[in-house]
Amino acid sequence: MKVLVGVKRVVDFNVNVRVRSDRSGVDTDNVKMSINPFDEVAVEQAVRLKEAGAAAEVIVFSVGPDRAAETIRTALAMGADRGILVQTDQATEPLAVAKVIAALVAREAPRLVLLGKQAIDDDCNQTAQMAAGLLGWPQGTSASALRLAGDVLQVTREVDAGTEELELALPAVVSVDLRLNDPRHASLPSIMKARKKEIASVTPDSLGVDAAPRLSVLEVRPPEERKAGRKVRGVAELASEISAVLEDA
C-alpha cells in the first residue's frame, strides 16, 4: 500500500509573526521556516505504518516555491521514501491543493492520503475535506488515533461531545490532529540519507491543475494591543462595570 502525505512550508511555530508595513501579508524575510506541525504528525504516522509492514511506500508532496524542497527533505529524513515538489510561486488555496492531491492520486495510486488537519499559517482546515470530495473517497478528520485492520481504517476523532469512532473502507483521506503521535527527531545518518532520496519536480499545469488564487487579501492587520486591567473594590463594582459595558454594546 502506498501512502501519500502532504507537507507545507510555514513560519516556524516558535517565531513571533510580524505583519508587513504595507499590511499586504506576513513578513517572511529572514524568518525561520519549518514543516507545518500537523503535517509532521501525518508524516510520522505514515512512517509508522510502513515500519509496521502495513505500507510499502511513503510519498510526501508539497505545493510551493523551490524552497519547499527543504520541507520535503525534512519528511524524507523522518523516513519517507520519496518526494514530489509541485512548484509554484503563487499563493495556493485549499481548493487548488485539493485538486493537486486528486491529480497525484491518479498518478501514484495511493490507498491512503494523510494530511495535517490544518496549516498554522492560514488555519483553513479545508484541504482534506475538499480532496475527499473530489476523489469520492471516505474521510476522517481530526484523527487522534488510527488502526488499520485489512482494508478497513479505524479512526478515532475528537468532537465537541468527546470522541467519535469511524470505520473507513480504503482508499480514504484522513487529516490528523497533534494528539495522534509525537514525531521523531531525524538522526544525522537519516538526514544524510535524505539528501540522496528522490524529489521529483512538477508544476500544477503539468498535472492539469489551475492553481490560480480565487480569493483576494484586502488587508492583514495585527491584533490590537490589550489594554491594561484595573482592580475593582468588590463584586458590586464589578457588576456595575459589566452592566455598563453591556449597555454600550
Protein backbone atom coordinates (compact mmCIF):
# COMPACT_ATOMS: atom_id res chain seq x y z
CA MET A 1 0.00 0.00 0.00
CA LYS A 2 1.24 3.47 -0.90
CA VAL A 3 0.62 6.38 1.46
CA LEU A 4 0.59 9.94 0.11
CA VAL A 5 1.36 12.65 2.68
CA GLY A 6 1.10 16.41 2.23
CA VAL A 7 3.55 18.78 3.90
CA LYS A 8 3.52 22.58 3.92
CA ARG A 9 6.33 25.08 4.49
CA VAL A 10 5.22 27.59 7.13
CA VAL A 11 6.71 30.12 9.51
CA ASP A 12 8.13 28.17 12.46
CA PHE A 13 5.67 28.00 15.35
CA ASN A 14 8.25 29.49 17.73
CA VAL A 15 8.60 32.68 15.66
CA ASN A 16 6.79 35.86 16.63
CA VAL A 17 4.87 36.63 13.42
CA ARG A 18 5.09 40.20 12.10
CA VAL A 19 2.80 41.94 9.63
CA ARG A 20 4.39 43.81 6.73
CA SER A 21 4.40 47.58 6.98
CA ASP A 22 2.07 47.87 3.97
CA ARG A 23 -0.33 45.33 5.58
CA SER A 24 -0.23 43.13 2.48
CA GLY A 25 0.61 39.98 4.45
CA VAL A 26 3.00 38.38 6.91
CA ASP A 27 6.69 39.28 6.79
CA THR A 28 8.72 36.15 5.94
CA ASP A 29 12.05 37.83 5.13
CA ASN A 30 14.89 36.29 7.18
CA VAL A 31 12.32 34.30 9.17
CA LYS A 32 12.83 30.66 10.16
CA MET A 33 10.54 28.37 8.16
CA SER A 34 9.71 24.76 9.00
CA ILE A 35 7.31 21.91 8.32
CA ASN A 36 3.74 22.53 9.46
CA PRO A 37 3.41 20.76 12.86
CA PHE A 38 0.18 18.95 11.90
CA ASP A 39 1.84 17.69 8.70
CA GLU A 40 4.82 16.46 10.71
CA VAL A 41 2.42 14.28 12.71
CA ALA A 42 0.98 12.92 9.44
CA VAL A 43 4.47 12.01 8.19
CA GLU A 44 5.27 10.26 11.46
CA GLN A 45 2.08 8.20 11.23
CA ALA A 46 2.80 7.18 7.65
CA VAL A 47 6.33 6.10 8.58
CA ARG A 48 4.95 4.08 11.49
CA LEU A 49 2.55 2.32 9.13
CA LYS A 50 5.50 1.43 6.93
CA GLU A 51 7.57 0.20 9.87
CA ALA A 52 4.64 -1.99 10.94
CA GLY A 53 4.50 -3.54 7.47
CA ALA A 54 1.12 -2.00 6.63
CA ALA A 55 2.54 0.38 3.99
CA ALA A 56 5.07 -0.35 1.26
CA GLU A 57 5.98 3.22 0.32
CA VAL A 58 5.53 6.69 1.80
CA ILE A 59 5.42 9.56 -0.70
CA VAL A 60 5.45 13.15 0.51
CA PHE A 61 4.49 16.16 -1.57
CA SER A 62 4.48 19.90 -1.11
CA VAL A 63 2.95 22.70 -3.16
CA GLY A 64 5.04 25.86 -3.19
CA PRO A 65 8.25 27.54 -4.32
CA ASP A 66 11.60 25.82 -4.81
CA ARG A 67 12.43 26.37 -1.12
CA ALA A 68 9.61 23.97 -0.20
CA ALA A 69 12.02 21.18 -1.18
CA GLU A 70 13.68 21.76 2.21
CA THR A 71 10.40 20.81 3.89
CA ILE A 72 10.22 17.64 1.81
CA ARG A 73 13.80 16.79 2.84
CA THR A 74 12.71 17.03 6.48
CA ALA A 75 10.00 14.45 5.83
CA LEU A 76 12.46 12.23 3.93
CA ALA A 77 14.83 12.36 6.89
CA MET A 78 11.98 11.16 9.11
CA GLY A 79 11.65 8.04 6.96
CA ALA A 80 9.55 8.86 3.90
CA ASP A 81 10.76 7.20 0.70
CA ARG A 82 10.50 9.91 -1.96
CA GLY A 83 9.09 13.36 -2.53
CA ILE A 84 7.21 15.38 -5.12
CA LEU A 85 7.51 19.16 -5.30
CA VAL A 86 4.61 20.82 -7.09
CA GLN A 87 6.48 24.01 -7.91
CA THR A 88 4.59 27.29 -7.98
CA ASP A 89 5.37 30.80 -6.77
CA GLN A 90 1.69 31.69 -6.45
CA ALA A 91 -0.10 31.65 -3.14
CA THR A 92 -2.10 28.42 -3.06
CA GLU A 93 -5.55 27.97 -1.60
CA PRO A 94 -7.14 24.77 -0.20
CA LEU A 95 -9.14 24.02 -3.35
CA ALA A 96 -6.03 24.23 -5.55
CA VAL A 97 -4.12 21.90 -3.22
CA ALA A 98 -7.08 19.50 -3.16
CA LYS A 99 -7.03 19.41 -6.97
CA VAL A 100 -3.28 18.70 -6.86
CA ILE A 101 -3.95 15.81 -4.46
CA ALA A 102 -6.55 14.36 -6.83
CA ALA A 103 -4.07 14.60 -9.71
CA LEU A 104 -1.29 12.95 -7.69
CA VAL A 105 -3.65 10.17 -6.61
CA ALA A 106 -4.42 9.45 -10.26
CA ARG A 107 -0.68 9.38 -10.98
CA GLU A 108 0.64 7.48 -7.93
CA ALA A 109 -2.41 5.33 -6.96
CA PRO A 110 -2.03 5.50 -3.16
CA ARG A 111 -4.56 3.77 -0.93
CA LEU A 112 -4.32 6.34 1.85
CA VAL A 113 -3.86 10.11 1.85
CA LEU A 114 -2.68 11.57 5.16
CA LEU A 115 -2.76 15.32 5.80
CA GLY A 116 -2.45 17.62 8.77
CA LYS A 117 -5.90 18.83 9.78
CA GLN A 118 -4.84 22.45 9.20
CA ALA A 119 -1.83 24.66 8.50
CA ILE A 120 -0.77 27.08 11.21
CA ASP A 121 -0.45 29.98 8.76
CA ASP A 122 -3.99 30.13 7.36
CA ASP A 123 -5.86 27.72 9.72
CA CYS A 124 -8.29 26.83 6.92
CA ASN A 125 -8.90 23.16 7.85
CA GLN A 126 -10.43 22.56 4.41
CA THR A 127 -7.96 20.72 2.17
CA ALA A 128 -8.64 17.14 3.35
CA GLN A 129 -12.39 17.58 3.09
CA MET A 130 -12.15 19.06 -0.42
CA ALA A 131 -9.75 16.34 -1.57
CA ALA A 132 -12.06 13.60 -0.30
CA GLY A 133 -14.96 15.24 -2.11
CA LEU A 134 -13.07 15.45 -5.39
CA LEU A 135 -11.90 11.84 -5.11
CA GLY A 136 -15.22 10.47 -3.88
CA TRP A 137 -13.35 8.74 -1.01
CA PRO A 138 -14.44 8.34 2.61
CA GLN A 139 -12.77 10.70 5.03
CA GLY A 140 -11.87 11.04 8.69
CA THR A 141 -10.87 14.42 10.08
CA SER A 142 -9.02 15.49 13.23
CA ALA A 143 -7.84 11.93 13.88
CA SER A 144 -6.34 11.31 17.32
CA ALA A 145 -5.88 7.54 16.80
CA LEU A 146 -5.56 5.26 13.74
CA ARG A 147 -5.76 1.48 13.49
CA LEU A 148 -5.52 -0.47 10.25
CA ALA A 149 -7.36 -3.78 10.00
CA GLY A 150 -7.04 -5.19 6.50
CA ASP A 151 -8.80 -2.80 4.13
CA VAL A 152 -10.60 -1.02 6.96
CA LEU A 153 -9.14 2.01 8.72
CA GLN A 154 -10.45 2.63 12.22
CA VAL A 155 -10.28 6.33 13.11
CA THR A 156 -10.81 7.97 16.48
CA ARG A 157 -11.58 11.66 16.14
CA GLU A 158 -12.24 14.34 18.69
CA VAL A 159 -15.60 16.11 18.60
CA ASP A 160 -17.30 18.62 20.90
CA ALA A 161 -19.03 15.86 22.88
CA GLY A 162 -15.87 13.77 23.32
CA THR A 163 -14.64 11.23 20.76
CA GLU A 164 -16.15 9.56 17.73
CA GLU A 165 -15.19 6.19 16.24
CA LEU A 166 -15.24 5.75 12.46
CA GLU A 167 -14.51 2.82 10.16
CA LEU A 168 -13.35 3.81 6.68
CA ALA A 169 -13.00 1.43 3.75
CA LEU A 170 -9.75 2.09 1.89
CA PRO A 171 -8.91 4.07 -0.15
CA ALA A 172 -9.53 7.01 2.18
CA VAL A 173 -8.42 10.52 3.15
CA VAL A 174 -7.53 11.25 6.77
CA SER A 175 -6.48 14.51 8.41
CA VAL A 176 -4.65 14.21 11.71
CA ASP A 177 -4.55 16.13 14.97
CA LEU A 178 -1.48 16.80 17.10
CA ARG A 179 -2.58 14.21 19.69
CA LEU A 180 -2.11 11.34 17.25
CA ASN A 181 1.62 10.88 17.97
CA ASP A 182 4.91 12.53 18.88
CA PRO A 183 7.01 12.98 15.71
CA ARG A 184 10.56 11.66 15.84
CA HIS A 185 13.68 13.78 15.57
CA ALA A 186 15.67 12.80 12.49
CA SER A 187 19.12 11.41 13.25
CA LEU A 188 22.23 12.68 11.46
CA PRO A 189 22.55 9.47 9.35
CA SER A 190 18.89 9.82 8.33
CA ILE A 191 19.47 13.44 7.33
CA MET A 192 22.46 12.39 5.21
CA LYS A 193 20.45 9.60 3.55
CA ALA A 194 17.60 12.01 2.83
CA ARG A 195 19.92 14.04 0.60
CA LYS A 196 20.14 11.10 -1.80
CA LYS A 197 16.40 10.38 -1.93
CA GLU A 198 14.43 11.40 -4.99
CA ILE A 199 12.41 14.61 -5.17
CA ALA A 200 10.56 14.89 -8.45
CA SER A 201 9.57 18.38 -9.58
CA VAL A 202 6.32 19.04 -11.42
CA THR A 203 4.06 22.04 -11.92
CA PRO A 204 0.31 22.45 -11.46
CA ASP A 205 -0.01 22.92 -15.22
CA SER A 206 1.72 19.60 -15.92
CA LEU A 207 -0.81 17.94 -13.59
CA GLY A 208 -3.69 19.66 -15.36
CA VAL A 209 -4.50 21.82 -12.31
CA ASP A 210 -5.41 25.50 -12.38
CA ALA A 211 -3.82 26.78 -9.16
CA ALA A 212 -4.67 30.46 -9.68
CA PRO A 213 -5.94 32.10 -6.46
CA ARG A 214 -9.68 32.73 -6.25
CA LEU A 215 -9.50 34.99 -3.21
CA SER A 216 -8.04 38.45 -2.73
CA VAL A 217 -6.50 39.64 0.53
CA LEU A 218 -7.60 43.19 1.21
CA GLU A 219 -5.53 43.81 4.31
CA VAL A 220 -3.70 41.98 7.08
CA ARG A 221 -3.63 43.63 10.49
CA PRO A 222 -2.01 42.58 13.75
CA PRO A 223 -4.34 42.12 16.75
CA GLU A 224 -4.97 45.21 18.83
CA GLU A 225 -2.82 45.55 21.91
CA ARG A 226 -4.63 44.57 25.08
CA LYS A 227 -5.49 47.41 27.39
CA ALA A 228 -4.19 47.29 30.92
CA GLY A 229 -6.62 45.95 33.50
CA ARG A 230 -7.54 47.62 36.77
CA LYS A 231 -8.62 46.41 40.17
CA VAL A 232 -12.16 46.83 41.47
CA ARG A 233 -13.13 47.16 45.12
CA GLY A 234 -15.66 44.36 45.12
CA VAL A 235 -18.38 42.36 43.37
CA ALA A 236 -20.79 45.29 43.29
CA GLU A 237 -18.36 47.48 41.36
CA LEU A 238 -17.52 44.60 39.01
CA ALA A 239 -21.22 44.01 38.29
CA SER A 240 -21.68 47.73 37.66
CA GLU A 241 -18.77 47.78 35.17
CA ILE A 242 -20.12 44.73 33.33
CA SER A 243 -23.58 46.30 33.10
CA ALA A 244 -22.07 49.48 31.64
CA VAL A 245 -20.17 47.52 29.00
CA LEU A 246 -23.29 45.56 28.02
CA GLU A 247 -25.31 48.77 27.70
CA ASP A 248 -22.67 50.33 25.43
CA ALA A 249 -22.69 47.20 23.26
